[in-house]
Amino acid sequence: MSSPASRPSRRPLLPSWLPVDPYILALLGTVGLAALLPASGTAATVAEGASKAAVALLFFLYGARLSTREALDGLTHWRLHVTVLACTFVLFPLLGLAARGLVPAVLTPSLYGGLLFLCLVPSTVQSSIAFTSIARGNVPAAICAGSFSSLAGIVLTPLLAAALLGNGAGGFSSDSLVEIVLQLLVPFLAGQLLRRWVGGFLVRHKRVLGYVDRGSILLVVYTAFSAGMTQGVWRLVTPARLGLLLAVEAALLALMLSLSWYGAKRLGFGREDRIAIQFAGSKKSLAAGLPMASVLFGAQAALAVLPLMLFHQMQLMVCAVIARRRSRDPEEGTTGHGTPLPGQDSVGGITSPAVPR
């Protein structure tokens, strides 16, 4: 097997100094397309059907790629995984509920619904692993923790949405729960059942499947924002409200980064484990959240996903800075779990066994 140094270098899509994820630019471009050319009438019906099919395919691929054996092997470090799950599905939702006091002075009810939904989605996998690797943390733990969070989110996110969002923030109902099961959980389980036969194909065509992943999400975003444009929901958002939303999300991210780091220290975790907990416990997955929002919020999905999109870009920029600083930490060298695994390089080129981003 050739070493990372011997592999041909790939030309980046954007200059390395540009602090913007290229995929975020694609998402913003999709939003712009929906603003200029929104789907309406028959086109909207076709786009909605294609979006639902794409979401089902997306979660089928998630299930087919998640290695059950690796997830079970990671259970030996159960304290770390429970800590990450507590950050993702307990602390985040509690902070989201506390933000209810900001309505309506700071956040509109629709933006608050999106902020609370943001607090309910699972953690990322790929970026958590990448930043953990850069910071010389426990990479295997980050893989397992992110995978567990993604798997748990298939069930917990809809249940938490039903309990906390109710009918007031997107029309969530028992029918929506059934749709979640049919559109997300059933394809995911089908992927798990068929993994023995399709797993090899997925491994051989990772790049093509990556395009399927991202293309599916772009279709969901276009459909959601087109519906928002045709119904005039964007007239409810002003630049001042967007600025206030960014300030709230910055405070939320800073608080979760601090709680996950210092809380892990109080619980007795070492440096490498604390790094994995901080990066896996403070992030939210755009890849998992967008398809769920399209099902949970329906026509209101455009405003609902806006907080998640903004938070996603913010967490990438902030965590990139933190990871680089942690990598220069002289407290401990790179040992054991801090060493990148095969398929991962020192700058975060990750081949994840589970849900990306």
Protein backbone atom coordinates (compact mmCIF):
# COMPACT_ATOMS: atom_id res chain seq x y z
CA MET A 1 0.00 0.00 0.00
CA SER A 2 1.43 3.35 -0.95
CA SER A 3 2.02 5.91 1.73
CA PRO A 4 0.10 9.20 1.82
CA ALA A 5 3.24 11.01 0.74
CA SER A 6 3.53 8.89 -2.42
CA ARG A 7 -0.05 9.43 -3.55
CA PRO A 8 -0.62 12.00 -6.28
CA SER A 9 -1.77 15.29 -4.85
CA ARG A 10 -5.25 16.51 -5.65
CA ARG A 11 -5.91 20.08 -6.64
CA PRO A 12 -8.26 21.64 -4.09
CA LEU A 13 -11.58 23.00 -5.29
CA LEU A 14 -10.84 26.31 -3.59
CA PRO A 15 -7.68 27.98 -2.26
CA SER A 16 -6.61 26.49 1.07
CA TRP A 17 -6.72 29.90 2.74
CA LEU A 18 -10.41 30.38 2.00
CA PRO A 19 -12.23 29.65 5.31
CA VAL A 20 -15.40 28.41 3.61
CA ASP A 21 -16.36 24.80 3.01
CA PRO A 22 -16.84 24.41 -0.78
CA TYR A 23 -19.96 22.39 -0.14
CA ILE A 24 -21.43 25.29 1.82
CA LEU A 25 -20.90 27.41 -1.29
CA ALA A 26 -22.77 24.76 -3.28
CA LEU A 27 -25.60 24.89 -0.76
CA LEU A 28 -25.71 28.68 -0.96
CA GLY A 29 -25.72 28.45 -4.75
CA THR A 30 -28.66 26.06 -4.55
CA VAL A 31 -30.50 28.51 -2.30
CA GLY A 32 -29.81 31.25 -4.85
CA LEU A 33 -31.13 29.06 -7.66
CA ALA A 34 -34.30 28.38 -5.67
CA ALA A 35 -34.70 32.12 -5.11
CA LEU A 36 -34.34 32.94 -8.81
CA LEU A 37 -36.04 29.88 -10.30
CA PRO A 38 -38.25 28.26 -7.65
CA ALA A 39 -40.11 25.10 -8.58
CA SER A 40 -43.86 25.62 -8.68
CA GLY A 41 -46.96 23.78 -9.87
CA THR A 42 -46.17 20.50 -11.60
CA ALA A 43 -42.44 21.14 -11.29
CA ALA A 44 -42.80 21.46 -7.52
CA THR A 45 -44.66 18.15 -7.36
CA VAL A 46 -41.95 16.42 -9.40
CA ALA A 47 -39.20 18.01 -7.28
CA GLU A 48 -40.90 16.93 -4.06
CA GLY A 49 -41.22 13.33 -5.28
CA ALA A 50 -37.60 13.29 -6.42
CA SER A 51 -36.54 14.75 -3.08
CA LYS A 52 -38.34 12.01 -1.13
CA ALA A 53 -36.78 9.32 -3.32
CA ALA A 54 -33.34 10.90 -2.86
CA VAL A 55 -33.75 10.99 0.92
CA ALA A 56 -34.76 7.32 0.99
CA LEU A 57 -31.72 6.45 -1.15
CA LEU A 58 -29.49 8.53 1.10
CA PHE A 59 -30.51 6.67 4.24
CA PHE A 60 -30.29 3.33 2.46
CA LEU A 61 -26.65 4.16 1.67
CA TYR A 62 -26.08 5.23 5.28
CA GLY A 63 -27.33 1.86 6.47
CA ALA A 64 -25.34 -0.06 3.88
CA ARG A 65 -22.11 1.70 4.81
CA LEU A 66 -22.37 1.54 8.60
CA SER A 67 -20.20 -1.31 9.84
CA THR A 68 -22.10 -3.04 12.64
CA ARG A 69 -18.98 -4.90 13.71
CA GLU A 70 -16.92 -1.74 14.14
CA ALA A 71 -19.75 -0.12 16.08
CA LEU A 72 -19.97 -3.12 18.42
CA ASP A 73 -16.19 -3.18 18.87
CA GLY A 74 -16.33 0.44 20.00
CA LEU A 75 -18.69 -0.39 22.84
CA THR A 76 -15.69 -1.20 25.04
CA HIS A 77 -15.23 2.55 25.56
CA TRP A 78 -18.83 3.00 26.62
CA ARG A 79 -18.20 5.90 29.04
CA LEU A 80 -16.90 8.08 26.23
CA HIS A 81 -19.79 7.20 23.93
CA VAL A 82 -22.39 7.84 26.61
CA THR A 83 -20.77 11.23 27.26
CA VAL A 84 -20.96 12.18 23.58
CA LEU A 85 -24.58 11.01 23.34
CA ALA A 86 -25.41 13.03 26.46
CA CYS A 87 -23.88 16.14 24.87
CA THR A 88 -25.77 15.57 21.62
CA PHE A 89 -29.20 14.51 22.85
CA VAL A 90 -29.38 15.95 26.39
CA LEU A 91 -27.27 19.09 26.79
CA PHE A 92 -27.99 20.46 23.32
CA PRO A 93 -31.79 20.04 23.64
CA LEU A 94 -31.74 21.60 27.12
CA LEU A 95 -29.90 24.63 25.77
CA GLY A 96 -32.34 24.77 22.89
CA LEU A 97 -35.26 24.81 25.31
CA ALA A 98 -33.56 27.55 27.34
CA ALA A 99 -33.35 29.66 24.17
CA ARG A 100 -37.17 29.77 24.18
CA GLY A 101 -36.81 32.87 26.31
CA LEU A 102 -35.34 34.70 23.31
CA VAL A 103 -38.69 34.60 21.47
CA PRO A 104 -39.88 37.02 20.15
CA ALA A 105 -37.37 39.72 21.15
CA VAL A 106 -34.37 38.03 19.49
CA LEU A 107 -35.71 35.10 17.46
CA THR A 108 -38.96 34.72 15.57
CA PRO A 109 -40.98 31.57 16.37
CA SER A 110 -39.97 30.04 13.02
CA LEU A 111 -36.26 30.68 13.55
CA TYR A 112 -36.52 29.36 17.09
CA GLY A 113 -38.14 26.18 15.74
CA GLY A 114 -35.14 25.77 13.43
CA LEU A 115 -32.71 26.46 16.28
CA LEU A 116 -34.40 23.87 18.49
CA PHE A 117 -34.38 21.37 15.64
CA LEU A 118 -30.66 22.05 15.22
CA CYS A 119 -30.20 21.01 18.86
CA LEU A 120 -31.93 17.68 18.19
CA VAL A 121 -30.01 16.33 15.18
CA PRO A 122 -27.11 13.87 15.62
CA SER A 123 -23.42 14.67 15.60
CA THR A 124 -21.17 14.61 12.57
CA VAL A 125 -18.84 11.75 11.71
CA GLN A 126 -16.35 12.80 9.05
CA SER A 127 -15.46 16.28 10.33
CA SER A 128 -15.34 15.05 13.94
CA ILE A 129 -12.83 12.37 12.92
CA ALA A 130 -10.82 14.82 10.83
CA PHE A 131 -10.47 17.40 13.60
CA THR A 132 -9.77 14.70 16.21
CA SER A 133 -6.98 13.37 13.99
CA ILE A 134 -5.48 16.83 13.43
CA ALA A 135 -5.56 17.54 17.17
CA ARG A 136 -3.91 14.16 17.98
CA GLY A 137 -6.94 12.82 19.81
CA ASN A 138 -8.60 9.40 20.11
CA VAL A 139 -9.52 8.79 16.47
CA PRO A 140 -11.11 5.31 16.88
CA ALA A 141 -13.33 6.70 19.64
CA ALA A 142 -14.37 9.59 17.40
CA ILE A 143 -15.32 7.13 14.65
CA CYS A 144 -17.45 5.03 16.99
CA ALA A 145 -18.96 7.99 18.83
CA GLY A 146 -19.99 9.69 15.60
CA SER A 147 -21.38 6.45 14.21
CA PHE A 148 -23.40 5.78 17.37
CA SER A 149 -24.74 9.32 17.34
CA SER A 150 -25.83 9.02 13.71
CA LEU A 151 -27.50 5.68 14.35
CA ALA A 152 -29.23 6.92 17.51
CA GLY A 153 -30.37 10.05 15.69
CA ILE A 154 -32.44 7.98 13.26
CA VAL A 155 -34.73 7.20 16.20
CA LEU A 156 -34.08 9.91 18.79
CA THR A 157 -34.31 13.00 16.57
CA PRO A 158 -37.89 12.29 15.38
CA LEU A 159 -38.97 11.31 18.91
CA LEU A 160 -37.44 14.44 20.44
CA ALA A 161 -38.99 16.55 17.69
CA ALA A 162 -42.38 15.04 18.44
CA ALA A 163 -41.98 15.78 22.15
CA LEU A 164 -40.39 19.25 21.97
CA LEU A 165 -41.53 20.79 18.69
CA GLY A 166 -45.08 19.46 18.59
CA ASN A 167 -47.50 20.92 16.06
CA GLY A 168 -46.38 24.51 16.53
CA ALA A 169 -43.06 24.47 14.72
CA GLY A 170 -43.60 22.58 11.53
CA GLY A 171 -46.76 20.54 11.72
CA PHE A 172 -45.15 17.49 13.30
CA SER A 173 -47.76 14.82 14.03
CA SER A 174 -48.24 11.08 14.25
CA ASP A 175 -48.49 11.02 10.45
CA SER A 176 -45.09 12.72 10.27
CA LEU A 177 -43.67 10.06 12.58
CA VAL A 178 -44.98 7.33 10.27
CA GLU A 179 -43.45 9.15 7.29
CA ILE A 180 -40.13 9.35 9.12
CA VAL A 181 -40.20 5.60 9.72
CA LEU A 182 -41.07 4.81 6.11
CA GLN A 183 -38.76 7.34 4.48
CA LEU A 184 -35.75 7.17 6.81
CA LEU A 185 -35.74 4.18 9.15
CA VAL A 186 -36.99 1.52 6.72
CA PRO A 187 -34.41 2.37 4.01
CA PHE A 188 -31.70 2.50 6.69
CA LEU A 189 -32.60 -0.97 7.99
CA ALA A 190 -32.80 -2.26 4.42
CA GLY A 191 -29.27 -1.00 3.86
CA GLN A 192 -28.09 -2.80 6.98
CA LEU A 193 -29.74 -6.07 5.85
CA LEU A 194 -28.25 -5.83 2.34
CA ARG A 195 -24.82 -4.64 3.48
CA ARG A 196 -23.27 -8.09 2.90
CA TRP A 197 -24.11 -7.90 -0.81
CA VAL A 198 -23.72 -4.20 -1.55
CA GLY A 199 -20.94 -3.29 0.88
CA GLY A 200 -18.16 -4.22 -1.54
CA PHE A 201 -19.71 -2.12 -4.29
CA LEU A 202 -19.91 0.88 -1.94
CA VAL A 203 -16.25 0.52 -1.00
CA ARG A 204 -15.20 0.42 -4.67
CA HIS A 205 -17.28 3.46 -5.63
CA LYS A 206 -16.81 5.81 -2.69
CA ARG A 207 -16.35 8.93 -4.81
CA VAL A 208 -19.46 8.32 -6.91
CA LEU A 209 -21.51 7.61 -3.81
CA GLY A 210 -20.18 10.79 -2.26
CA TYR A 211 -21.68 12.68 -5.18
CA VAL A 212 -24.96 10.86 -4.57
CA ASP A 213 -24.86 11.91 -0.91
CA ARG A 214 -24.25 15.54 -1.60
CA GLY A 215 -26.44 15.71 -4.68
CA SER A 216 -29.36 14.30 -2.69
CA ILE A 217 -28.96 16.95 -0.04
CA LEU A 218 -28.74 19.71 -2.65
CA LEU A 219 -32.02 18.47 -4.11
CA VAL A 220 -33.63 18.55 -0.67
CA VAL A 221 -32.39 22.10 -0.13
CA TYR A 222 -33.68 23.24 -3.53
CA THR A 223 -37.10 21.72 -2.91
CA ALA A 224 -37.38 23.20 0.59
CA PHE A 225 -36.29 26.70 -0.40
CA SER A 226 -38.45 26.66 -3.52
CA ALA A 227 -41.47 25.94 -1.33
CA GLY A 228 -40.40 28.76 0.96
CA MET A 229 -40.12 31.19 -1.95
CA THR A 230 -43.50 30.32 -3.44
CA GLN A 231 -45.15 30.73 -0.03
CA GLY A 232 -43.31 33.94 0.83
CA VAL A 233 -41.78 32.70 4.08
CA TRP A 234 -38.59 34.71 3.52
CA ARG A 235 -40.46 37.94 4.05
CA LEU A 236 -40.54 36.94 7.72
CA VAL A 237 -36.73 37.14 8.02
CA THR A 238 -34.81 40.42 8.11
CA PRO A 239 -31.03 40.97 8.03
CA ALA A 240 -31.20 42.08 11.66
CA ARG A 241 -32.86 38.78 12.64
CA LEU A 242 -30.19 36.84 10.78
CA GLY A 243 -27.49 38.75 12.65
CA LEU A 244 -29.13 37.96 15.96
CA LEU A 245 -29.45 34.30 14.97
CA LEU A 246 -25.71 34.15 14.21
CA ALA A 247 -24.94 35.67 17.62
CA VAL A 248 -27.15 33.11 19.37
CA GLU A 249 -25.55 30.24 17.49
CA ALA A 250 -22.05 31.52 18.26
CA ALA A 251 -22.94 31.54 21.95
CA LEU A 252 -24.42 28.03 21.66
CA LEU A 253 -21.29 26.67 19.97
CA ALA A 254 -18.95 28.33 22.47
CA LEU A 255 -20.95 26.95 25.38
CA MET A 256 -20.98 23.39 24.02
CA LEU A 257 -17.26 23.47 23.21
CA SER A 258 -16.56 24.55 26.79
CA LEU A 259 -18.96 22.10 28.43
CA SER A 260 -17.70 19.13 26.41
CA TRP A 261 -14.02 19.98 27.08
CA TYR A 262 -14.10 20.88 30.76
CA GLY A 263 -16.92 18.47 31.55
CA ALA A 264 -14.87 15.59 30.13
CA LYS A 265 -11.96 16.69 32.30
CA ARG A 266 -14.16 16.60 35.41
CA LEU A 267 -15.26 13.10 34.44
CA GLY A 268 -11.65 11.93 34.44
CA PHE A 269 -11.01 11.51 30.72
CA GLY A 270 -7.49 11.90 29.36
CA ARG A 271 -6.41 14.44 26.77
CA GLU A 272 -6.99 12.24 23.71
CA ASP A 273 -10.46 11.21 24.87
CA ARG A 274 -11.35 14.81 25.73
CA ILE A 275 -10.46 15.88 22.20
CA ALA A 276 -12.76 13.21 20.73
CA ILE A 277 -15.55 14.18 23.12
CA GLN A 278 -15.20 17.88 22.37
CA PHE A 279 -15.31 17.52 18.59
CA ALA A 280 -17.97 14.79 18.46
CA GLY A 281 -20.09 16.30 21.23
CA SER A 282 -20.22 19.90 20.00
CA LYS A 283 -21.15 19.34 16.34
CA LYS A 284 -24.36 18.85 14.43
CA SER A 285 -24.73 16.95 11.16
CA LEU A 286 -25.95 18.87 8.15
CA ALA A 287 -26.11 15.64 6.13
CA ALA A 288 -28.48 13.97 8.59
CA GLY A 289 -30.41 17.09 9.58
CA LEU A 290 -31.47 18.36 6.14
CA PRO A 291 -33.34 15.22 5.03
CA MET A 292 -35.05 14.93 8.41
CA ALA A 293 -36.12 18.58 8.28
CA SER A 294 -37.70 18.09 4.87
CA VAL A 295 -39.94 15.41 6.39
CA LEU A 296 -40.59 17.05 9.75
CA PHE A 297 -41.27 20.62 8.62
CA GLY A 298 -42.71 20.25 5.14
CA ALA A 299 -43.33 23.68 3.59
CA GLN A 300 -41.60 25.40 6.50
CA ALA A 301 -38.35 23.46 5.97
CA ALA A 302 -36.63 26.48 4.36
CA LEU A 303 -36.58 28.49 7.58
CA ALA A 304 -36.10 25.38 9.69
CA VAL A 305 -32.83 24.38 8.03
CA LEU A 306 -31.36 27.90 7.94
CA PRO A 307 -30.03 27.76 11.54
CA LEU A 308 -28.50 24.34 10.87
CA MET A 309 -26.75 25.53 7.70
CA LEU A 310 -25.29 28.56 9.48
CA PHE A 311 -24.24 26.51 12.51
CA HIS A 312 -22.58 23.90 10.30
CA GLN A 313 -20.30 26.42 8.62
CA MET A 314 -19.55 28.12 11.94
CA GLN A 315 -18.58 24.87 13.64
CA LEU A 316 -16.23 23.93 10.80
CA MET A 317 -14.39 27.25 10.95
CA VAL A 318 -14.12 27.37 14.74
CA CYS A 319 -13.18 23.71 15.19
CA ALA A 320 -10.52 23.96 12.47
CA VAL A 321 -8.79 26.67 14.53
CA ILE A 322 -9.13 24.68 17.76
CA ALA A 323 -7.81 21.49 16.14
CA ARG A 324 -4.71 23.26 14.83
CA ARG A 325 -4.03 24.70 18.27
CA ARG A 326 -4.52 21.32 19.95
CA SER A 327 -2.05 19.77 17.49
CA ARG A 328 0.64 22.09 18.89
CA ASP A 329 -0.19 21.18 22.49
CA PRO A 330 3.09 20.01 24.08
CA GLU A 331 1.28 18.24 26.94
CA GLU A 332 1.33 14.82 25.26
CA GLY A 333 2.74 13.37 22.06
CA THR A 334 0.78 11.46 19.49
CA THR A 335 0.35 7.99 20.96
CA GLY A 336 -1.96 5.04 20.65
CA HIS A 337 -5.40 6.27 19.77
CA GLY A 338 -4.10 9.63 18.61
CA THR A 339 -2.39 8.10 15.60
CA PRO A 340 -4.39 8.40 12.37
CA LEU A 341 -5.85 5.15 11.14
CA PRO A 342 -5.31 3.68 7.68
CA GLY A 343 -7.26 5.75 5.19
CA GLN A 344 -6.73 8.93 7.20
CA ASP A 345 -3.97 11.46 6.69
CA SER A 346 -2.56 14.19 8.88
CA VAL A 347 -4.70 16.90 7.37
CA GLY A 348 -7.97 15.13 7.94
CA GLY A 349 -8.46 13.17 4.74
CA ILE A 350 -10.92 10.70 6.16
CA THR A 351 -12.36 7.56 4.74
CA SER A 352 -15.28 7.20 7.12
CA PRO A 353 -17.07 3.89 7.62
CA ALA A 354 -20.30 5.65 8.46
CA VAL A 355 -22.36 8.75 7.76
CA PRO A 356 -20.26 11.61 6.33
CA ARG A 357 -20.17 15.19 7.52
